[in-house]
Each structure stands twice: as C-alpha cells, then as structure tokens.
Amino acid sequence: MTTLKSKLQDDLNAAIKERDELRSSTLRLTLAAITKEEVAGKEKRELSDDEVQKVIAREAKKRREAADAFAQGGRPEQAEREKAEGEVLAGYLPKQLSDDELNAIVAQAVEEARAAGAEGPRAMGAVMKIVNPKVAGQAEGGRVAAAVKKLLAG
C-alpha cells in the first residue's frame, strides 16, 4: 500500500527528472512541511494519510492567501506563481464540495440542530458540530461557517 507521503516523494522525483521546476519546488516545500510536522512535539512520528492531507490543505490555503496578497500588492507574476502552486497541491486533495452541495449538507444539519432545540445564532456551535465531520477535507472551515451563518440568519 502506498501512502500519500510516498506518492508525493515519487511525484517529486518524477518532476525533478522532467525538470518541472514549479512542481518540484512545490512538492519539495510540502514534503518539508510534512517532515516538520512529523518532528514537532516530544518525539518523531509518522503521519497518517489524513494528517498528511491536512498539511497539504494548509499549504494550499497558504498559497491561495499569498496569491490574493500578491494580486492586491500589484505583483501579478508572483500571484500567478502562487496560484499555480496551489493548483499542484489541489491535485492531492479530495474534490472540494460545490456551494450547492455544501448548502444542502448545512441545511440538513440546521434542521437536525433545530430538532434538538437549538435556535437562532446561538445554534452555530451545534450546527458546526454536525456539519464538520460530514465535510472534513472537502470544504474549508471559513466556507462552512459562512454557509451556516447565512442559513441561521435567514
């Protein structure tokens, strides 16, 4: 069985052989972040595929935020590079939920929370507890929270 980390390593080797500078540097930085996560704490440990996926998601989010910052700062060439790196990483993440799919899951969770007696804006925590396990890895927390707020307010 191949792990996600070993797949990243194999893809890095292939990218180096193909002289794909963007892909190889992106994968190199991601593997460094994974290694850093493995040695954090009291003792070194091997990350599970889920934990590796969380690291990749965090790295992809950093790229999106950096691309936005560069675009606002008038550095379009750097923003494009960050976007391209984010797209390389997105290939290793599960498919993200569309807005419609996310809203359907949130609507169902709001109904469940209301059935349990949660009402109004205070129900946010109860709804998030129901939604988060269902969308883990498929939608960013900020998107989920925004969808929950919108449905609870409306």
N, C-alpha and C. Protein backbone atom coordinates (compact mmCIF):
# COMPACT_ATOMS: atom_id res chain seq x y z
N MET A 1 0.85 -1.19 0.00
CA MET A 1 0.00 0.00 0.00
C MET A 1 0.89 1.25 0.00
N THR A 2 0.62 2.14 -0.92
CA THR A 2 1.42 3.37 -0.95
C THR A 2 0.73 4.44 -0.13
N THR A 3 1.52 5.16 0.61
CA THR A 3 0.96 6.24 1.40
C THR A 3 1.00 7.52 0.58
N LEU A 4 0.25 8.50 1.03
CA LEU A 4 0.21 9.79 0.34
C LEU A 4 1.60 10.44 0.34
N LYS A 5 2.31 10.29 1.46
CA LYS A 5 3.65 10.89 1.55
C LYS A 5 4.60 10.25 0.52
N SER A 6 4.53 8.93 0.38
CA SER A 6 5.42 8.28 -0.59
C SER A 6 5.01 8.64 -2.02
N LYS A 7 3.73 8.86 -2.26
CA LYS A 7 3.27 9.31 -3.57
C LYS A 7 3.84 10.70 -3.87
N LEU A 8 3.82 11.58 -2.87
CA LEU A 8 4.41 12.91 -3.04
C LEU A 8 5.91 12.79 -3.38
N GLN A 9 6.60 11.90 -2.67
CA GLN A 9 8.03 11.70 -2.89
C GLN A 9 8.29 11.19 -4.31
N ASP A 10 7.48 10.21 -4.75
CA ASP A 10 7.64 9.67 -6.11
C ASP A 10 7.36 10.75 -7.16
N ASP A 11 6.31 11.54 -6.93
CA ASP A 11 5.98 12.62 -7.87
C ASP A 11 7.08 13.68 -7.89
N LEU A 12 7.70 13.94 -6.74
CA LEU A 12 8.81 14.89 -6.68
C LEU A 12 9.97 14.38 -7.53
N ASN A 13 10.31 13.10 -7.37
CA ASN A 13 11.40 12.52 -8.17
C ASN A 13 11.11 12.62 -9.65
N ALA A 14 9.86 12.34 -10.03
CA ALA A 14 9.47 12.41 -11.45
C ALA A 14 9.57 13.86 -11.95
N ALA A 15 9.13 14.80 -11.13
CA ALA A 15 9.17 16.22 -11.52
C ALA A 15 10.61 16.70 -11.68
N ILE A 16 11.51 16.22 -10.83
CA ILE A 16 12.93 16.60 -10.93
C ILE A 16 13.51 16.04 -12.24
N LYS A 17 13.18 14.78 -12.55
CA LYS A 17 13.68 14.17 -13.79
C LYS A 17 13.15 14.90 -15.03
N GLU A 18 11.88 15.36 -14.94
CA GLU A 18 11.27 16.08 -16.07
C GLU A 18 11.67 17.55 -16.10
N ARG A 19 12.43 17.97 -15.12
CA ARG A 19 12.86 19.37 -14.99
C ARG A 19 11.67 20.32 -14.89
N ASP A 20 10.64 19.87 -14.17
CA ASP A 20 9.44 20.69 -13.93
C ASP A 20 9.70 21.47 -12.64
N GLU A 21 10.22 22.68 -12.78
CA GLU A 21 10.68 23.48 -11.64
C GLU A 21 9.52 23.83 -10.69
N LEU A 22 8.39 24.24 -11.24
CA LEU A 22 7.25 24.63 -10.40
C LEU A 22 6.78 23.47 -9.54
N ARG A 23 6.54 22.33 -10.18
CA ARG A 23 6.04 21.15 -9.48
C ARG A 23 7.06 20.65 -8.45
N SER A 24 8.33 20.59 -8.84
CA SER A 24 9.33 20.06 -7.92
C SER A 24 9.51 20.97 -6.71
N SER A 25 9.52 22.28 -6.91
CA SER A 25 9.70 23.17 -5.75
C SER A 25 8.47 23.14 -4.85
N THR A 26 7.29 23.04 -5.44
CA THR A 26 6.06 22.97 -4.63
C THR A 26 6.04 21.70 -3.79
N LEU A 27 6.36 20.57 -4.42
CA LEU A 27 6.36 19.29 -3.69
C LEU A 27 7.47 19.25 -2.64
N ARG A 28 8.61 19.86 -2.96
CA ARG A 28 9.72 19.90 -2.00
C ARG A 28 9.30 20.66 -0.74
N LEU A 29 8.66 21.82 -0.93
CA LEU A 29 8.20 22.63 0.21
C LEU A 29 7.13 21.88 1.02
N THR A 30 6.26 21.19 0.32
CA THR A 30 5.19 20.45 1.00
C THR A 30 5.76 19.30 1.81
N LEU A 31 6.71 18.57 1.23
CA LEU A 31 7.34 17.48 1.97
C LEU A 31 8.11 18.01 3.18
N ALA A 32 8.71 19.19 3.04
CA ALA A 32 9.40 19.80 4.18
C ALA A 32 8.40 20.13 5.28
N ALA A 33 7.22 20.63 4.91
CA ALA A 33 6.19 20.93 5.91
C ALA A 33 5.71 19.66 6.59
N ILE A 34 5.60 18.57 5.83
CA ILE A 34 5.18 17.28 6.41
C ILE A 34 6.24 16.79 7.39
N THR A 35 7.51 16.87 7.01
CA THR A 35 8.60 16.45 7.89
C THR A 35 8.63 17.30 9.16
N LYS A 36 8.42 18.59 8.99
CA LYS A 36 8.39 19.49 10.15
C LYS A 36 7.28 19.08 11.12
N GLU A 37 6.13 18.72 10.57
CA GLU A 37 5.00 18.28 11.39
C GLU A 37 5.34 16.96 12.09
N GLU A 38 6.07 16.08 11.41
CA GLU A 38 6.43 14.79 12.00
C GLU A 38 7.39 14.93 13.17
N VAL A 39 8.28 15.90 13.12
CA VAL A 39 9.26 16.04 14.20
C VAL A 39 8.80 17.03 15.28
N ALA A 40 7.64 17.66 15.06
CA ALA A 40 7.11 18.57 16.09
C ALA A 40 6.66 17.74 17.29
N GLY A 41 6.77 18.31 18.46
CA GLY A 41 6.35 17.58 19.66
C GLY A 41 7.53 16.91 20.33
N LYS A 42 7.22 16.02 21.24
CA LYS A 42 8.26 15.40 22.05
C LYS A 42 9.06 14.32 21.30
N GLU A 43 8.36 13.56 20.41
CA GLU A 43 9.09 12.53 19.69
C GLU A 43 8.64 12.45 18.23
N LYS A 44 9.56 12.00 17.38
CA LYS A 44 9.28 11.90 15.95
C LYS A 44 8.23 10.81 15.71
N ARG A 45 7.33 11.07 14.78
CA ARG A 45 6.32 10.07 14.47
C ARG A 45 5.99 10.13 12.98
N GLU A 46 5.40 9.07 12.48
CA GLU A 46 4.98 9.01 11.08
C GLU A 46 3.55 9.53 11.01
N LEU A 47 3.29 10.46 10.08
CA LEU A 47 1.94 10.99 9.93
C LEU A 47 1.06 10.02 9.15
N SER A 48 -0.22 9.97 9.52
CA SER A 48 -1.17 9.15 8.75
C SER A 48 -1.53 9.91 7.48
N ASP A 49 -2.19 9.23 6.54
CA ASP A 49 -2.59 9.90 5.30
C ASP A 49 -3.52 11.07 5.58
N ASP A 50 -4.40 10.93 6.58
CA ASP A 50 -5.32 12.03 6.92
C ASP A 50 -4.54 13.25 7.42
N GLU A 51 -3.53 13.00 8.25
CA GLU A 51 -2.71 14.11 8.76
C GLU A 51 -1.90 14.75 7.64
N VAL A 52 -1.39 13.93 6.73
CA VAL A 52 -0.64 14.46 5.58
C VAL A 52 -1.58 15.32 4.74
N GLN A 53 -2.81 14.86 4.56
CA GLN A 53 -3.78 15.61 3.79
C GLN A 53 -4.07 16.96 4.43
N LYS A 54 -4.13 17.00 5.76
CA LYS A 54 -4.35 18.27 6.46
C LYS A 54 -3.19 19.23 6.22
N VAL A 55 -1.97 18.69 6.22
CA VAL A 55 -0.79 19.53 5.95
C VAL A 55 -0.86 20.08 4.53
N ILE A 56 -1.23 19.23 3.57
CA ILE A 56 -1.34 19.67 2.18
C ILE A 56 -2.42 20.74 2.06
N ALA A 57 -3.55 20.54 2.74
CA ALA A 57 -4.64 21.53 2.70
C ALA A 57 -4.16 22.86 3.27
N ARG A 58 -3.40 22.80 4.36
CA ARG A 58 -2.87 24.02 4.98
C ARG A 58 -1.92 24.74 4.03
N GLU A 59 -1.06 23.96 3.36
CA GLU A 59 -0.13 24.55 2.40
C GLU A 59 -0.88 25.17 1.22
N ALA A 60 -1.92 24.50 0.73
CA ALA A 60 -2.72 25.02 -0.39
C ALA A 60 -3.41 26.33 0.01
N LYS A 61 -3.89 26.37 1.26
CA LYS A 61 -4.54 27.59 1.75
C LYS A 61 -3.53 28.74 1.81
N LYS A 62 -2.32 28.44 2.26
CA LYS A 62 -1.26 29.47 2.31
C LYS A 62 -1.02 30.03 0.91
N ARG A 63 -1.01 29.14 -0.10
CA ARG A 63 -0.78 29.59 -1.48
C ARG A 63 -1.91 30.50 -1.96
N ARG A 64 -3.16 30.13 -1.64
CA ARG A 64 -4.30 30.98 -2.05
C ARG A 64 -4.21 32.35 -1.40
N GLU A 65 -3.92 32.37 -0.10
CA GLU A 65 -3.83 33.65 0.61
C GLU A 65 -2.67 34.49 0.07
N ALA A 66 -1.55 33.85 -0.21
CA ALA A 66 -0.39 34.58 -0.76
C ALA A 66 -0.72 35.12 -2.15
N ALA A 67 -1.43 34.34 -2.96
CA ALA A 67 -1.80 34.80 -4.30
C ALA A 67 -2.68 36.04 -4.21
N ASP A 68 -3.64 36.02 -3.27
CA ASP A 68 -4.50 37.20 -3.08
C ASP A 68 -3.68 38.40 -2.64
N ALA A 69 -2.76 38.19 -1.70
CA ALA A 69 -1.94 39.29 -1.19
C ALA A 69 -1.06 39.87 -2.30
N PHE A 70 -0.45 39.01 -3.11
CA PHE A 70 0.39 39.50 -4.21
C PHE A 70 -0.45 40.24 -5.25
N ALA A 71 -1.65 39.73 -5.53
CA ALA A 71 -2.51 40.39 -6.51
C ALA A 71 -2.90 41.78 -6.02
N GLN A 72 -3.21 41.91 -4.73
CA GLN A 72 -3.58 43.21 -4.17
C GLN A 72 -2.36 44.14 -4.10
N GLY A 73 -1.18 43.55 -3.97
CA GLY A 73 0.04 44.34 -3.87
C GLY A 73 0.62 44.72 -5.23
N GLY A 74 -0.09 44.38 -6.31
CA GLY A 74 0.38 44.76 -7.64
C GLY A 74 1.53 43.91 -8.14
N ARG A 75 1.57 42.63 -7.75
CA ARG A 75 2.62 41.72 -8.22
C ARG A 75 1.97 40.53 -8.92
N PRO A 76 1.39 40.74 -10.10
CA PRO A 76 0.62 39.68 -10.77
C PRO A 76 1.44 38.44 -11.11
N GLU A 77 2.72 38.61 -11.46
CA GLU A 77 3.53 37.44 -11.82
C GLU A 77 3.74 36.53 -10.61
N GLN A 78 3.95 37.12 -9.44
CA GLN A 78 4.11 36.33 -8.22
C GLN A 78 2.78 35.69 -7.81
N ALA A 79 1.67 36.43 -8.01
CA ALA A 79 0.34 35.90 -7.70
C ALA A 79 0.05 34.68 -8.57
N GLU A 80 0.41 34.74 -9.85
CA GLU A 80 0.20 33.61 -10.76
C GLU A 80 1.00 32.39 -10.31
N ARG A 81 2.22 32.61 -9.87
CA ARG A 81 3.07 31.50 -9.40
C ARG A 81 2.41 30.83 -8.18
N GLU A 82 1.94 31.63 -7.24
CA GLU A 82 1.30 31.08 -6.04
C GLU A 82 0.04 30.29 -6.41
N LYS A 83 -0.74 30.84 -7.35
CA LYS A 83 -1.95 30.13 -7.81
C LYS A 83 -1.58 28.80 -8.44
N ALA A 84 -0.54 28.79 -9.27
CA ALA A 84 -0.10 27.56 -9.92
C ALA A 84 0.35 26.52 -8.90
N GLU A 85 1.07 26.97 -7.86
CA GLU A 85 1.49 26.05 -6.80
C GLU A 85 0.27 25.49 -6.07
N GLY A 86 -0.73 26.35 -5.82
CA GLY A 86 -1.97 25.90 -5.17
C GLY A 86 -2.67 24.85 -6.00
N GLU A 87 -2.65 25.00 -7.33
CA GLU A 87 -3.29 24.02 -8.21
C GLU A 87 -2.55 22.68 -8.19
N VAL A 88 -1.23 22.73 -8.09
CA VAL A 88 -0.44 21.49 -7.98
C VAL A 88 -0.87 20.75 -6.72
N LEU A 89 -1.00 21.47 -5.60
CA LEU A 89 -1.37 20.85 -4.33
C LEU A 89 -2.82 20.36 -4.35
N ALA A 90 -3.69 21.08 -5.04
CA ALA A 90 -5.10 20.70 -5.09
C ALA A 90 -5.27 19.31 -5.69
N GLY A 91 -4.34 18.91 -6.55
CA GLY A 91 -4.41 17.58 -7.14
C GLY A 91 -4.26 16.45 -6.13
N TYR A 92 -3.74 16.76 -4.95
CA TYR A 92 -3.54 15.74 -3.92
C TYR A 92 -4.64 15.76 -2.86
N LEU A 93 -5.57 16.69 -2.99
CA LEU A 93 -6.66 16.82 -2.02
C LEU A 93 -7.94 16.23 -2.58
N PRO A 94 -8.86 15.81 -1.69
CA PRO A 94 -10.13 15.31 -2.19
C PRO A 94 -10.90 16.45 -2.89
N LYS A 95 -11.80 16.06 -3.77
CA LYS A 95 -12.57 17.05 -4.51
C LYS A 95 -13.35 17.91 -3.52
N GLN A 96 -13.29 19.22 -3.72
CA GLN A 96 -14.00 20.15 -2.83
C GLN A 96 -15.50 20.15 -3.15
N LEU A 97 -16.31 20.34 -2.14
CA LEU A 97 -17.76 20.40 -2.34
C LEU A 97 -18.14 21.67 -3.07
N SER A 98 -19.14 21.58 -3.93
CA SER A 98 -19.65 22.79 -4.59
C SER A 98 -20.49 23.56 -3.57
N ASP A 99 -20.82 24.81 -3.88
CA ASP A 99 -21.63 25.61 -2.96
C ASP A 99 -22.99 24.95 -2.72
N ASP A 100 -23.59 24.40 -3.78
CA ASP A 100 -24.90 23.75 -3.64
C ASP A 100 -24.83 22.53 -2.72
N GLU A 101 -23.80 21.69 -2.91
CA GLU A 101 -23.63 20.51 -2.06
C GLU A 101 -23.42 20.91 -0.61
N LEU A 102 -22.58 21.93 -0.40
CA LEU A 102 -22.31 22.41 0.96
C LEU A 102 -23.58 22.95 1.61
N ASN A 103 -24.34 23.77 0.86
CA ASN A 103 -25.58 24.33 1.40
C ASN A 103 -26.59 23.25 1.75
N ALA A 104 -26.65 22.18 0.96
CA ALA A 104 -27.58 21.08 1.25
C ALA A 104 -27.19 20.39 2.57
N ILE A 105 -25.90 20.14 2.76
CA ILE A 105 -25.43 19.49 4.00
C ILE A 105 -25.70 20.40 5.20
N VAL A 106 -25.43 21.71 5.03
CA VAL A 106 -25.65 22.66 6.12
C VAL A 106 -27.14 22.76 6.45
N ALA A 107 -28.01 22.79 5.43
CA ALA A 107 -29.45 22.88 5.66
C ALA A 107 -29.94 21.68 6.46
N GLN A 108 -29.45 20.50 6.13
CA GLN A 108 -29.83 19.30 6.85
C GLN A 108 -29.35 19.38 8.30
N ALA A 109 -28.14 19.87 8.52
CA ALA A 109 -27.59 19.99 9.87
C ALA A 109 -28.38 21.02 10.68
N VAL A 110 -28.82 22.11 10.05
CA VAL A 110 -29.62 23.13 10.74
C VAL A 110 -30.93 22.51 11.20
N GLU A 111 -31.55 21.70 10.35
CA GLU A 111 -32.79 21.02 10.73
C GLU A 111 -32.56 20.09 11.92
N GLU A 112 -31.45 19.33 11.88
CA GLU A 112 -31.13 18.43 12.99
C GLU A 112 -30.93 19.21 14.29
N ALA A 113 -30.22 20.33 14.21
CA ALA A 113 -29.94 21.14 15.39
C ALA A 113 -31.24 21.74 15.94
N ARG A 114 -32.10 22.20 15.03
CA ARG A 114 -33.39 22.78 15.48
C ARG A 114 -34.26 21.71 16.12
N ALA A 115 -34.21 20.49 15.60
CA ALA A 115 -34.97 19.39 16.18
C ALA A 115 -34.47 19.09 17.59
N ALA A 116 -33.19 19.35 17.82
CA ALA A 116 -32.59 19.12 19.13
C ALA A 116 -32.80 20.32 20.06
N GLY A 117 -33.45 21.37 19.57
CA GLY A 117 -33.77 22.52 20.41
C GLY A 117 -32.87 23.72 20.25
N ALA A 118 -31.96 23.71 19.30
CA ALA A 118 -31.07 24.86 19.10
C ALA A 118 -31.76 25.87 18.19
N GLU A 119 -31.75 27.14 18.57
CA GLU A 119 -32.42 28.17 17.78
C GLU A 119 -31.52 29.40 17.60
N GLY A 120 -31.74 30.11 16.51
CA GLY A 120 -31.09 31.39 16.27
C GLY A 120 -29.58 31.29 16.12
N PRO A 121 -28.92 32.44 16.22
CA PRO A 121 -27.46 32.49 16.03
C PRO A 121 -26.69 31.65 17.05
N ARG A 122 -27.29 31.41 18.22
CA ARG A 122 -26.60 30.61 19.24
C ARG A 122 -26.46 29.15 18.82
N ALA A 123 -27.21 28.74 17.80
CA ALA A 123 -27.17 27.36 17.33
C ALA A 123 -25.92 27.07 16.49
N MET A 124 -25.14 28.10 16.21
CA MET A 124 -23.96 27.96 15.34
C MET A 124 -23.05 26.80 15.77
N GLY A 125 -22.71 26.74 17.03
CA GLY A 125 -21.82 25.69 17.54
C GLY A 125 -22.42 24.30 17.35
N ALA A 126 -23.71 24.16 17.64
CA ALA A 126 -24.37 22.87 17.49
C ALA A 126 -24.39 22.43 16.03
N VAL A 127 -24.67 23.37 15.14
CA VAL A 127 -24.71 23.05 13.71
C VAL A 127 -23.32 22.69 13.21
N MET A 128 -22.30 23.46 13.63
CA MET A 128 -20.92 23.19 13.19
C MET A 128 -20.47 21.79 13.64
N LYS A 129 -20.89 21.36 14.84
CA LYS A 129 -20.53 20.03 15.33
C LYS A 129 -21.12 18.94 14.44
N ILE A 130 -22.29 19.20 13.87
CA ILE A 130 -22.93 18.23 12.99
C ILE A 130 -22.29 18.26 11.60
N VAL A 131 -22.00 19.46 11.10
CA VAL A 131 -21.51 19.63 9.72
C VAL A 131 -20.05 19.21 9.57
N ASN A 132 -19.18 19.61 10.48
CA ASN A 132 -17.73 19.39 10.30
C ASN A 132 -17.34 17.95 9.99
N PRO A 133 -17.85 16.94 10.71
CA PRO A 133 -17.44 15.57 10.35
C PRO A 133 -17.89 15.17 8.94
N LYS A 134 -19.02 15.71 8.49
CA LYS A 134 -19.55 15.35 7.17
C LYS A 134 -18.74 15.96 6.03
N VAL A 135 -18.15 17.13 6.25
CA VAL A 135 -17.44 17.83 5.17
C VAL A 135 -15.93 17.83 5.36
N ALA A 136 -15.43 17.08 6.33
CA ALA A 136 -13.99 17.08 6.64
C ALA A 136 -13.15 16.89 5.38
N GLY A 137 -12.27 17.86 5.13
CA GLY A 137 -11.36 17.77 4.00
C GLY A 137 -11.98 18.17 2.67
N GLN A 138 -13.30 18.36 2.63
CA GLN A 138 -13.96 18.68 1.36
C GLN A 138 -14.40 20.12 1.28
N ALA A 139 -14.32 20.84 2.39
CA ALA A 139 -14.68 22.26 2.39
C ALA A 139 -13.90 22.94 3.49
N GLU A 140 -13.43 24.14 3.19
CA GLU A 140 -12.65 24.91 4.14
C GLU A 140 -13.56 25.41 5.28
N GLY A 141 -13.02 25.49 6.47
CA GLY A 141 -13.80 25.90 7.64
C GLY A 141 -14.49 27.24 7.48
N GLY A 142 -13.81 28.20 6.85
CA GLY A 142 -14.41 29.53 6.64
C GLY A 142 -15.64 29.47 5.76
N ARG A 143 -15.57 28.65 4.71
CA ARG A 143 -16.73 28.48 3.81
C ARG A 143 -17.89 27.87 4.56
N VAL A 144 -17.59 26.85 5.38
CA VAL A 144 -18.63 26.16 6.12
C VAL A 144 -19.29 27.12 7.11
N ALA A 145 -18.48 27.87 7.86
CA ALA A 145 -19.01 28.81 8.85
C ALA A 145 -19.87 29.87 8.18
N ALA A 146 -19.45 30.37 7.01
CA ALA A 146 -20.23 31.37 6.30
C ALA A 146 -21.58 30.82 5.87
N ALA A 147 -21.58 29.57 5.39
CA ALA A 147 -22.84 28.94 4.96
C ALA A 147 -23.78 28.73 6.16
N VAL A 148 -23.22 28.32 7.28
CA VAL A 148 -24.04 28.10 8.49
C VAL A 148 -24.63 29.43 8.95
N LYS A 149 -23.80 30.49 9.03
CA LYS A 149 -24.29 31.81 9.45
C LYS A 149 -25.41 32.28 8.56
N LYS A 150 -25.23 32.12 7.25
CA LYS A 150 -26.22 32.60 6.27
C LYS A 150 -27.55 31.88 6.50
N LEU A 151 -27.51 30.56 6.69
CA LEU A 151 -28.75 29.81 6.87
C LEU A 151 -29.40 30.11 8.22
N LEU A 152 -28.60 30.29 9.27
CA LEU A 152 -29.18 30.59 10.58
C LEU A 152 -29.78 32.00 10.62
N ALA A 153 -29.18 32.93 9.89
CA ALA A 153 -29.68 34.30 9.88
C ALA A 153 -30.94 34.41 9.02
N GLY A 154 -31.00 33.59 7.96
CA GLY A 154 -32.10 33.71 7.00
C GLY A 154 -33.24 32.87 7.31
